[in-house]
């Protein structure tokens, strides 16, 4: 079968428009993000990692938040702001988690999350999130101060579960 130039002209003219639509559809697909389940976190802190009196006894209290802001300074966010201001810097938080003693460690399994306003949440857009956490004694106020252990790392929403939070340093 033979085609004349006039028969090929219309399909050739439409080819760039089809490519443009195909490219735009790909960009839109990449820009959207599916929701992923916020993973359980296994939190463990050893008394050998931080200054006394932390990470030694049952009843110590954990606060942890997840933020899409990769450059968030965890130490500043956890120590410099009121509870409301701190919470509003995060996409999901777990608050007032009581730690259990196990040998020379304290630990907890985090499986419940809330928004900064207190509503329950189980999913976020998939991807890496900055995780900021600190441990306090029940007698401490709700803001990180000198000597308290804190964590700054990453958590993959939509990834494996549980994920570990175990690299603590003293503030």
N, C-alpha and C. Protein backbone atom coordinates (compact mmCIF):
# COMPACT_ATOMS: atom_id res chain seq x y z
N UNK A 1 0.85 -1.17 0.00
CA UNK A 1 0.00 0.00 0.00
C UNK A 1 0.89 1.22 0.00
N UNK A 2 0.57 2.17 -0.84
CA UNK A 2 1.33 3.41 -0.96
C UNK A 2 0.53 4.58 -0.44
N UNK A 3 1.26 5.49 0.28
CA UNK A 3 0.61 6.70 0.78
C UNK A 3 1.17 7.89 0.05
N UNK A 4 0.29 8.84 -0.21
CA UNK A 4 0.76 10.08 -0.83
C UNK A 4 1.10 11.07 0.27
N UNK A 5 1.83 12.11 -0.05
CA UNK A 5 2.22 13.14 0.92
C UNK A 5 1.01 13.78 1.57
N UNK A 6 -0.05 13.98 0.83
CA UNK A 6 -1.23 14.61 1.42
C UNK A 6 -1.89 13.71 2.46
N UNK A 7 -1.78 12.39 2.29
CA UNK A 7 -2.35 11.46 3.26
C UNK A 7 -1.52 11.43 4.54
N UNK A 8 -0.23 11.68 4.48
CA UNK A 8 0.65 11.63 5.64
C UNK A 8 0.73 12.97 6.38
N UNK A 9 0.33 14.05 5.75
CA UNK A 9 0.48 15.37 6.33
C UNK A 9 -0.29 15.53 7.65
N UNK A 10 -1.53 15.13 7.71
CA UNK A 10 -2.33 15.29 8.93
C UNK A 10 -1.75 14.48 10.09
N UNK A 11 -1.43 13.19 9.91
CA UNK A 11 -0.84 12.46 11.04
C UNK A 11 0.50 13.06 11.48
N UNK A 12 1.30 13.56 10.56
CA UNK A 12 2.57 14.17 10.93
C UNK A 12 2.36 15.48 11.69
N UNK A 13 1.33 16.23 11.35
CA UNK A 13 1.03 17.47 12.07
C UNK A 13 0.51 17.18 13.48
N UNK A 14 -0.20 16.08 13.66
CA UNK A 14 -0.76 15.74 14.97
C UNK A 14 0.27 15.09 15.89
N UNK A 15 1.33 14.55 15.34
CA UNK A 15 2.34 13.87 16.14
C UNK A 15 2.93 14.76 17.24
N UNK A 16 3.34 16.02 16.96
CA UNK A 16 3.87 16.85 18.07
C UNK A 16 2.83 17.12 19.16
N UNK A 17 1.57 17.28 18.79
CA UNK A 17 0.53 17.52 19.80
C UNK A 17 0.32 16.27 20.67
N UNK A 18 0.36 15.11 20.04
CA UNK A 18 0.23 13.86 20.81
C UNK A 18 1.40 13.69 21.77
N UNK A 19 2.60 14.01 21.31
CA UNK A 19 3.78 13.91 22.19
C UNK A 19 3.66 14.89 23.35
N UNK A 20 3.18 16.11 23.08
CA UNK A 20 3.01 17.11 24.13
C UNK A 20 2.00 16.63 25.17
N UNK A 21 0.87 16.10 24.73
CA UNK A 21 -0.13 15.59 25.68
C UNK A 21 0.42 14.42 26.49
N UNK A 22 1.16 13.54 25.84
CA UNK A 22 1.76 12.40 26.54
C UNK A 22 2.76 12.89 27.59
N UNK A 23 3.56 13.89 27.26
CA UNK A 23 4.55 14.44 28.21
C UNK A 23 3.86 15.12 29.38
N UNK A 24 2.82 15.89 29.12
CA UNK A 24 2.10 16.56 30.20
C UNK A 24 1.45 15.55 31.13
N UNK A 25 0.89 14.50 30.59
CA UNK A 25 0.28 13.47 31.42
C UNK A 25 1.32 12.84 32.33
N UNK A 26 2.51 12.61 31.82
CA UNK A 26 3.59 12.06 32.64
C UNK A 26 4.00 13.00 33.75
N UNK A 27 4.06 14.29 33.46
CA UNK A 27 4.41 15.28 34.48
C UNK A 27 3.34 15.35 35.57
N UNK A 28 2.10 15.31 35.16
CA UNK A 28 1.02 15.36 36.14
C UNK A 28 1.05 14.13 37.02
N UNK A 29 1.33 12.98 36.44
CA UNK A 29 1.39 11.75 37.22
C UNK A 29 2.51 11.80 38.24
N UNK A 30 3.68 12.35 37.85
CA UNK A 30 4.80 12.45 38.77
C UNK A 30 4.51 13.45 39.87
N UNK A 31 3.77 14.51 39.58
CA UNK A 31 3.49 15.55 40.55
C UNK A 31 2.51 15.10 41.63
N UNK A 32 1.64 14.18 41.29
CA UNK A 32 0.70 13.72 42.29
C UNK A 32 1.38 12.64 43.14
N UNK A 33 0.96 12.55 44.36
CA UNK A 33 1.59 11.59 45.26
C UNK A 33 0.52 10.78 45.94
N UNK A 34 0.70 9.47 45.88
CA UNK A 34 -0.26 8.59 46.54
C UNK A 34 -0.04 8.63 48.05
N UNK A 35 -1.10 8.41 48.78
CA UNK A 35 -0.97 8.34 50.23
C UNK A 35 -0.39 6.99 50.61
N UNK A 36 0.46 7.02 51.62
CA UNK A 36 1.05 5.81 52.16
C UNK A 36 0.73 5.72 53.64
N UNK A 37 0.76 4.52 54.15
CA UNK A 37 0.51 4.30 55.57
C UNK A 37 1.72 4.80 56.37
N UNK A 38 1.46 5.55 57.42
CA UNK A 38 2.54 5.97 58.32
C UNK A 38 3.00 4.71 59.04
N UNK A 39 4.29 4.38 58.94
CA UNK A 39 4.75 3.11 59.51
C UNK A 39 4.76 3.14 61.03
N UNK A 40 4.69 1.96 61.62
CA UNK A 40 4.97 1.84 63.05
C UNK A 40 6.44 2.17 63.25
N UNK A 41 6.76 2.76 64.38
CA UNK A 41 8.16 3.05 64.70
C UNK A 41 8.53 2.31 65.98
N UNK A 42 9.67 1.65 65.95
CA UNK A 42 10.20 1.00 67.13
C UNK A 42 11.24 1.94 67.71
N UNK A 43 10.93 2.50 68.87
CA UNK A 43 11.80 3.48 69.54
C UNK A 43 12.57 2.75 70.63
N UNK A 44 13.88 2.97 70.64
CA UNK A 44 14.73 2.36 71.65
C UNK A 44 15.86 3.31 71.99
N UNK A 45 16.06 3.56 73.27
CA UNK A 45 17.12 4.45 73.74
C UNK A 45 17.87 3.76 74.87
N UNK A 46 19.18 3.73 74.76
CA UNK A 46 20.01 3.10 75.77
C UNK A 46 20.58 4.15 76.72
N UNK A 47 20.67 3.80 77.99
CA UNK A 47 21.26 4.72 78.97
C UNK A 47 22.72 5.00 78.65
N UNK A 48 23.36 4.15 77.85
CA UNK A 48 24.76 4.38 77.47
C UNK A 48 24.89 5.46 76.39
N UNK A 49 23.79 5.82 75.73
CA UNK A 49 23.83 6.80 74.65
C UNK A 49 23.77 8.24 75.12
N UNK A 50 23.17 8.49 76.27
CA UNK A 50 22.84 9.86 76.66
C UNK A 50 23.20 10.13 78.11
N UNK A 51 23.12 11.43 78.49
CA UNK A 51 23.41 11.83 79.88
C UNK A 51 22.35 11.32 80.85
N UNK A 52 22.76 11.06 82.09
CA UNK A 52 21.76 10.73 83.13
C UNK A 52 20.84 11.93 83.32
N UNK A 53 19.63 11.74 83.68
CA UNK A 53 18.96 10.53 84.16
C UNK A 53 18.08 9.89 83.10
N UNK A 54 18.32 10.14 81.83
CA UNK A 54 17.39 9.72 80.77
C UNK A 54 17.68 8.31 80.25
N UNK A 55 16.66 7.73 79.65
CA UNK A 55 16.71 6.40 79.02
C UNK A 55 17.08 5.32 80.03
N UNK A 56 16.52 5.44 81.23
CA UNK A 56 16.85 4.50 82.29
C UNK A 56 15.63 3.86 82.96
N UNK A 57 14.50 4.54 82.94
CA UNK A 57 13.37 4.06 83.75
C UNK A 57 12.06 4.07 82.97
N UNK A 58 11.18 3.15 83.33
CA UNK A 58 9.83 3.18 82.78
C UNK A 58 9.17 4.50 83.15
N UNK A 59 8.26 4.95 82.32
CA UNK A 59 7.53 6.17 82.61
C UNK A 59 8.13 7.41 81.96
N UNK A 60 9.32 7.30 81.37
CA UNK A 60 9.83 8.44 80.62
C UNK A 60 8.91 8.65 79.43
N UNK A 61 8.83 9.88 78.95
CA UNK A 61 7.81 10.24 77.97
C UNK A 61 8.46 10.68 76.66
N UNK A 62 7.92 10.17 75.55
CA UNK A 62 8.42 10.44 74.21
C UNK A 62 7.48 11.38 73.46
N UNK A 63 8.05 12.31 72.72
CA UNK A 63 7.32 13.11 71.74
C UNK A 63 8.04 12.91 70.42
N UNK A 64 7.30 12.68 69.33
CA UNK A 64 7.91 12.53 68.01
C UNK A 64 7.02 13.16 66.96
N UNK A 65 7.64 13.79 65.96
CA UNK A 65 6.91 14.41 64.86
C UNK A 65 7.54 14.08 63.53
N UNK A 66 6.72 14.04 62.49
CA UNK A 66 7.18 13.80 61.12
C UNK A 66 6.88 15.03 60.27
N UNK A 67 7.90 15.50 59.53
CA UNK A 67 7.74 16.70 58.71
C UNK A 67 8.29 16.46 57.31
N UNK A 68 7.61 16.98 56.31
CA UNK A 68 8.08 16.88 54.92
C UNK A 68 9.25 17.86 54.68
N UNK A 69 9.51 18.76 55.61
CA UNK A 69 10.59 19.74 55.49
C UNK A 69 11.93 19.07 55.85
N UNK A 70 12.72 18.71 54.82
CA UNK A 70 13.97 18.00 55.06
C UNK A 70 14.99 18.82 55.83
N UNK A 71 14.97 20.13 55.67
CA UNK A 71 15.98 20.97 56.31
C UNK A 71 15.54 21.48 57.69
N UNK A 72 14.48 20.93 58.23
CA UNK A 72 14.02 21.32 59.56
C UNK A 72 15.11 21.00 60.59
N UNK A 73 15.46 21.98 61.40
CA UNK A 73 16.43 21.80 62.48
C UNK A 73 15.69 21.24 63.69
N UNK A 74 15.85 19.94 63.94
CA UNK A 74 15.09 19.29 65.01
C UNK A 74 15.37 19.93 66.37
N UNK A 75 16.63 20.18 66.67
CA UNK A 75 16.97 20.74 67.99
C UNK A 75 16.26 22.07 68.20
N UNK A 76 16.26 22.92 67.20
CA UNK A 76 15.59 24.23 67.32
C UNK A 76 14.08 24.06 67.43
N UNK A 77 13.51 23.18 66.60
CA UNK A 77 12.06 22.99 66.60
C UNK A 77 11.57 22.43 67.94
N UNK A 78 12.35 21.56 68.56
CA UNK A 78 11.91 20.92 69.79
C UNK A 78 12.17 21.75 71.04
N UNK A 79 13.08 22.72 70.95
CA UNK A 79 13.47 23.47 72.15
C UNK A 79 13.02 24.92 72.16
N UNK A 80 12.72 25.49 71.02
CA UNK A 80 12.54 26.94 70.94
C UNK A 80 11.10 27.42 70.91
N UNK A 81 10.15 26.54 70.74
CA UNK A 81 8.79 26.96 70.49
C UNK A 81 7.82 26.45 71.56
N UNK A 82 6.68 27.10 71.65
CA UNK A 82 5.61 26.59 72.51
C UNK A 82 5.13 25.27 71.93
N UNK A 83 4.36 24.52 72.70
CA UNK A 83 3.86 23.23 72.24
C UNK A 83 3.07 23.37 70.94
N UNK A 84 2.19 24.36 70.87
CA UNK A 84 1.38 24.56 69.67
C UNK A 84 2.24 24.93 68.48
N UNK A 85 3.18 25.85 68.64
CA UNK A 85 4.06 26.23 67.54
C UNK A 85 4.91 25.05 67.09
N UNK A 86 5.43 24.29 68.04
CA UNK A 86 6.22 23.11 67.69
C UNK A 86 5.38 22.12 66.90
N UNK A 87 4.22 21.77 67.41
CA UNK A 87 3.37 20.78 66.75
C UNK A 87 3.00 21.21 65.34
N UNK A 88 2.77 22.50 65.12
CA UNK A 88 2.37 22.99 63.80
C UNK A 88 3.47 22.91 62.76
N UNK A 89 4.69 22.60 63.15
CA UNK A 89 5.78 22.43 62.18
C UNK A 89 5.81 21.02 61.60
N UNK A 90 4.92 20.15 62.08
CA UNK A 90 4.95 18.74 61.69
C UNK A 90 3.65 18.32 61.03
N UNK A 91 3.75 17.29 60.17
CA UNK A 91 2.59 16.76 59.47
C UNK A 91 1.85 15.72 60.31
N UNK A 92 2.58 15.00 61.15
CA UNK A 92 1.99 14.00 62.04
C UNK A 92 2.83 13.97 63.31
N UNK A 93 2.15 13.73 64.45
CA UNK A 93 2.86 13.67 65.73
C UNK A 93 2.34 12.50 66.56
N UNK A 94 3.20 12.05 67.46
CA UNK A 94 2.80 11.09 68.51
C UNK A 94 3.30 11.71 69.80
N UNK A 95 2.40 11.91 70.75
CA UNK A 95 2.71 12.69 71.95
C UNK A 95 2.39 11.89 73.21
N UNK A 96 3.12 12.19 74.26
CA UNK A 96 2.89 11.56 75.57
C UNK A 96 2.95 10.03 75.51
N UNK A 97 3.92 9.51 74.78
CA UNK A 97 4.12 8.06 74.69
C UNK A 97 4.98 7.62 75.87
N UNK A 98 4.45 6.76 76.70
CA UNK A 98 5.18 6.27 77.87
C UNK A 98 6.13 5.15 77.45
N UNK A 99 7.40 5.27 77.84
CA UNK A 99 8.40 4.28 77.49
C UNK A 99 8.48 3.19 78.55
N UNK A 100 8.81 1.99 78.13
CA UNK A 100 8.96 0.84 79.03
C UNK A 100 10.43 0.49 79.17
N UNK A 101 10.81 0.02 80.36
CA UNK A 101 12.19 -0.35 80.63
C UNK A 101 12.43 -1.79 80.20
N UNK A 102 13.59 -2.01 79.55
CA UNK A 102 14.00 -3.34 79.15
C UNK A 102 15.52 -3.40 79.27
N UNK A 103 16.02 -3.93 80.38
CA UNK A 103 17.47 -3.97 80.61
C UNK A 103 18.01 -2.56 80.80
N UNK A 104 19.00 -2.19 79.99
CA UNK A 104 19.57 -0.84 80.08
C UNK A 104 18.92 0.10 79.07
N UNK A 105 17.76 -0.29 78.54
CA UNK A 105 17.08 0.50 77.52
C UNK A 105 15.65 0.82 77.95
N UNK A 106 15.14 1.87 77.31
CA UNK A 106 13.71 2.12 77.34
C UNK A 106 13.22 2.03 75.91
N UNK A 107 11.97 1.61 75.71
CA UNK A 107 11.49 1.45 74.35
C UNK A 107 9.98 1.64 74.27
N UNK A 108 9.52 1.77 73.04
CA UNK A 108 8.07 1.88 72.77
C UNK A 108 7.84 1.55 71.31
N UNK A 109 6.63 1.10 71.01
CA UNK A 109 6.21 0.89 69.64
C UNK A 109 5.15 1.93 69.32
N UNK A 110 5.45 2.82 68.39
CA UNK A 110 4.51 3.88 68.01
C UNK A 110 3.66 3.38 66.84
N UNK A 111 2.35 3.35 67.02
CA UNK A 111 1.47 2.93 65.93
C UNK A 111 0.25 3.83 65.78
N UNK A 112 0.15 4.86 66.62
CA UNK A 112 -0.96 5.81 66.51
C UNK A 112 -0.40 7.21 66.31
N UNK A 113 -0.95 7.92 65.33
CA UNK A 113 -0.49 9.26 64.98
C UNK A 113 -1.66 10.23 64.97
N UNK A 114 -1.35 11.50 65.13
CA UNK A 114 -2.39 12.52 65.04
C UNK A 114 -1.86 13.72 64.26
N UNK A 115 -2.79 14.55 63.81
CA UNK A 115 -2.41 15.82 63.19
C UNK A 115 -1.98 16.77 64.30
N UNK A 116 -1.35 17.90 63.96
CA UNK A 116 -1.00 18.86 65.00
C UNK A 116 -2.21 19.37 65.79
N UNK A 117 -3.40 19.28 65.20
CA UNK A 117 -4.61 19.73 65.88
C UNK A 117 -5.24 18.63 66.73
N UNK A 118 -4.69 17.41 66.69
CA UNK A 118 -5.17 16.34 67.55
C UNK A 118 -6.06 15.31 66.90
N UNK A 119 -6.39 15.46 65.62
CA UNK A 119 -7.23 14.46 64.94
C UNK A 119 -6.37 13.25 64.56
N UNK A 120 -6.95 12.06 64.64
CA UNK A 120 -6.22 10.85 64.26
C UNK A 120 -5.87 10.86 62.78
N UNK A 121 -4.71 10.30 62.45
CA UNK A 121 -4.26 10.24 61.06
C UNK A 121 -3.49 8.93 60.88
N UNK A 122 -3.69 8.29 59.74
CA UNK A 122 -2.99 7.03 59.47
C UNK A 122 -2.19 7.03 58.20
N UNK A 123 -2.44 8.05 57.33
CA UNK A 123 -1.72 8.12 56.06
C UNK A 123 -1.20 9.54 55.83
N UNK A 124 -0.15 9.61 55.02
CA UNK A 124 0.42 10.86 54.52
C UNK A 124 0.88 10.59 53.09
N UNK A 125 1.12 11.63 52.28
CA UNK A 125 1.69 11.37 50.97
C UNK A 125 3.00 10.58 51.11
N UNK A 126 3.17 9.56 50.28
CA UNK A 126 4.34 8.71 50.36
C UNK A 126 5.63 9.51 50.20
N UNK A 127 6.69 9.04 50.85
CA UNK A 127 8.00 9.65 50.70
C UNK A 127 8.73 9.72 52.03
N UNK A 128 9.90 10.36 51.98
CA UNK A 128 10.72 10.51 53.19
C UNK A 128 10.28 11.71 53.99
N UNK A 129 10.27 11.55 55.30
CA UNK A 129 9.90 12.62 56.22
C UNK A 129 10.99 12.78 57.27
N UNK A 130 11.27 14.02 57.64
CA UNK A 130 12.19 14.28 58.76
C UNK A 130 11.47 13.86 60.03
N UNK A 131 12.13 13.04 60.82
CA UNK A 131 11.58 12.63 62.11
C UNK A 131 12.38 13.33 63.21
N UNK A 132 11.69 14.02 64.09
CA UNK A 132 12.30 14.70 65.23
C UNK A 132 11.63 14.17 66.50
N UNK A 133 12.43 13.82 67.49
CA UNK A 133 11.87 13.26 68.71
C UNK A 133 12.71 13.67 69.91
N UNK A 134 12.07 13.69 71.10
CA UNK A 134 12.82 13.87 72.34
C UNK A 134 12.15 13.08 73.44
N UNK A 135 12.96 12.77 74.47
CA UNK A 135 12.49 12.01 75.62
C UNK A 135 12.63 12.89 76.84
N UNK A 136 11.59 12.91 77.65
CA UNK A 136 11.61 13.71 78.88
C UNK A 136 11.13 12.87 80.05
N UNK A 137 11.47 13.31 81.25
CA UNK A 137 10.92 12.69 82.45
C UNK A 137 9.51 13.24 82.65
N UNK A 138 8.68 12.53 83.36
CA UNK A 138 7.31 12.99 83.57
C UNK A 138 7.26 14.32 84.32
N UNK A 139 8.31 14.61 85.09
CA UNK A 139 8.33 15.87 85.85
C UNK A 139 8.82 17.06 85.01
N UNK A 140 9.38 16.80 83.82
CA UNK A 140 9.87 17.88 82.95
C UNK A 140 8.70 18.57 82.26
N UNK A 141 8.97 19.81 81.78
CA UNK A 141 7.93 20.47 80.99
C UNK A 141 7.91 19.87 79.59
N UNK A 142 7.01 20.32 78.76
CA UNK A 142 6.78 19.72 77.45
C UNK A 142 7.65 20.32 76.35
N UNK A 143 8.84 20.78 76.71
CA UNK A 143 9.76 21.35 75.74
C UNK A 143 11.15 20.80 76.01
N UNK A 144 11.90 20.52 74.95
CA UNK A 144 13.23 19.96 75.12
C UNK A 144 14.17 21.00 75.72
N UNK A 145 14.93 20.56 76.73
CA UNK A 145 15.92 21.43 77.38
C UNK A 145 17.26 20.69 77.42
N UNK A 146 18.28 21.40 77.82
CA UNK A 146 19.64 20.85 77.87
C UNK A 146 19.69 19.51 78.60
N UNK A 147 20.38 18.54 78.00
CA UNK A 147 20.56 17.23 78.59
C UNK A 147 19.58 16.18 78.11
N UNK A 148 18.42 16.60 77.59
CA UNK A 148 17.43 15.62 77.13
C UNK A 148 17.91 14.93 75.86
N UNK A 149 17.61 13.63 75.72
CA UNK A 149 17.95 12.93 74.48
C UNK A 149 17.01 13.34 73.35
N UNK A 150 17.59 13.49 72.15
CA UNK A 150 16.74 13.75 71.00
C UNK A 150 17.24 12.97 69.79
N UNK A 151 16.34 12.80 68.84
CA UNK A 151 16.58 12.05 67.62
C UNK A 151 16.28 12.95 66.44
N UNK A 152 17.12 12.88 65.42
CA UNK A 152 16.89 13.57 64.15
C UNK A 152 17.26 12.60 63.05
N UNK A 153 16.27 12.19 62.28
CA UNK A 153 16.52 11.22 61.21
C UNK A 153 15.39 11.24 60.20
N UNK A 154 15.24 10.15 59.47
CA UNK A 154 14.22 10.09 58.44
C UNK A 154 13.37 8.83 58.57
N UNK A 155 12.12 8.95 58.16
CA UNK A 155 11.16 7.86 58.16
C UNK A 155 10.54 7.83 56.77
N UNK A 156 10.36 6.63 56.23
CA UNK A 156 9.75 6.48 54.90
C UNK A 156 8.27 6.12 55.05
N UNK A 157 7.40 7.08 54.73
CA UNK A 157 5.96 6.83 54.74
C UNK A 157 5.64 6.00 53.50
N UNK A 158 4.93 4.90 53.70
CA UNK A 158 4.64 3.98 52.62
C UNK A 158 5.70 2.90 52.51
N UNK A 159 6.71 2.95 53.39
CA UNK A 159 7.80 1.97 53.37
C UNK A 159 7.57 0.87 54.38
N UNK A 160 8.66 0.18 54.71
CA UNK A 160 8.60 -0.95 55.65
C UNK A 160 8.08 -0.51 57.01
N UNK A 161 7.53 -1.46 57.72
CA UNK A 161 7.02 -1.19 59.07
C UNK A 161 7.30 -2.41 59.92
N UNK A 162 7.85 -2.26 61.11
CA UNK A 162 8.23 -1.00 61.76
C UNK A 162 9.59 -0.49 61.28
N UNK A 163 9.84 0.79 61.54
CA UNK A 163 11.13 1.41 61.28
C UNK A 163 11.74 1.80 62.63
N UNK A 164 13.07 1.80 62.69
CA UNK A 164 13.76 2.04 63.96
C UNK A 164 14.07 3.51 64.21
N UNK A 165 13.88 3.92 65.44
CA UNK A 165 14.29 5.23 65.94
C UNK A 165 15.19 4.91 67.13
N UNK A 166 16.50 4.87 66.88
CA UNK A 166 17.39 4.40 67.94
C UNK A 166 18.74 5.10 67.99
N UNK A 167 18.90 6.19 67.27
CA UNK A 167 20.17 6.90 67.25
C UNK A 167 20.02 8.23 68.01
N UNK A 168 20.11 8.17 69.32
CA UNK A 168 19.83 9.29 70.20
C UNK A 168 21.12 10.01 70.58
N UNK A 169 21.03 11.33 70.77
CA UNK A 169 22.13 12.12 71.32
C UNK A 169 21.54 13.07 72.38
N UNK A 170 22.39 13.57 73.23
CA UNK A 170 21.92 14.52 74.27
C UNK A 170 21.96 15.92 73.71
N UNK A 171 20.94 16.69 74.06
CA UNK A 171 20.83 18.08 73.61
C UNK A 171 21.72 18.95 74.46
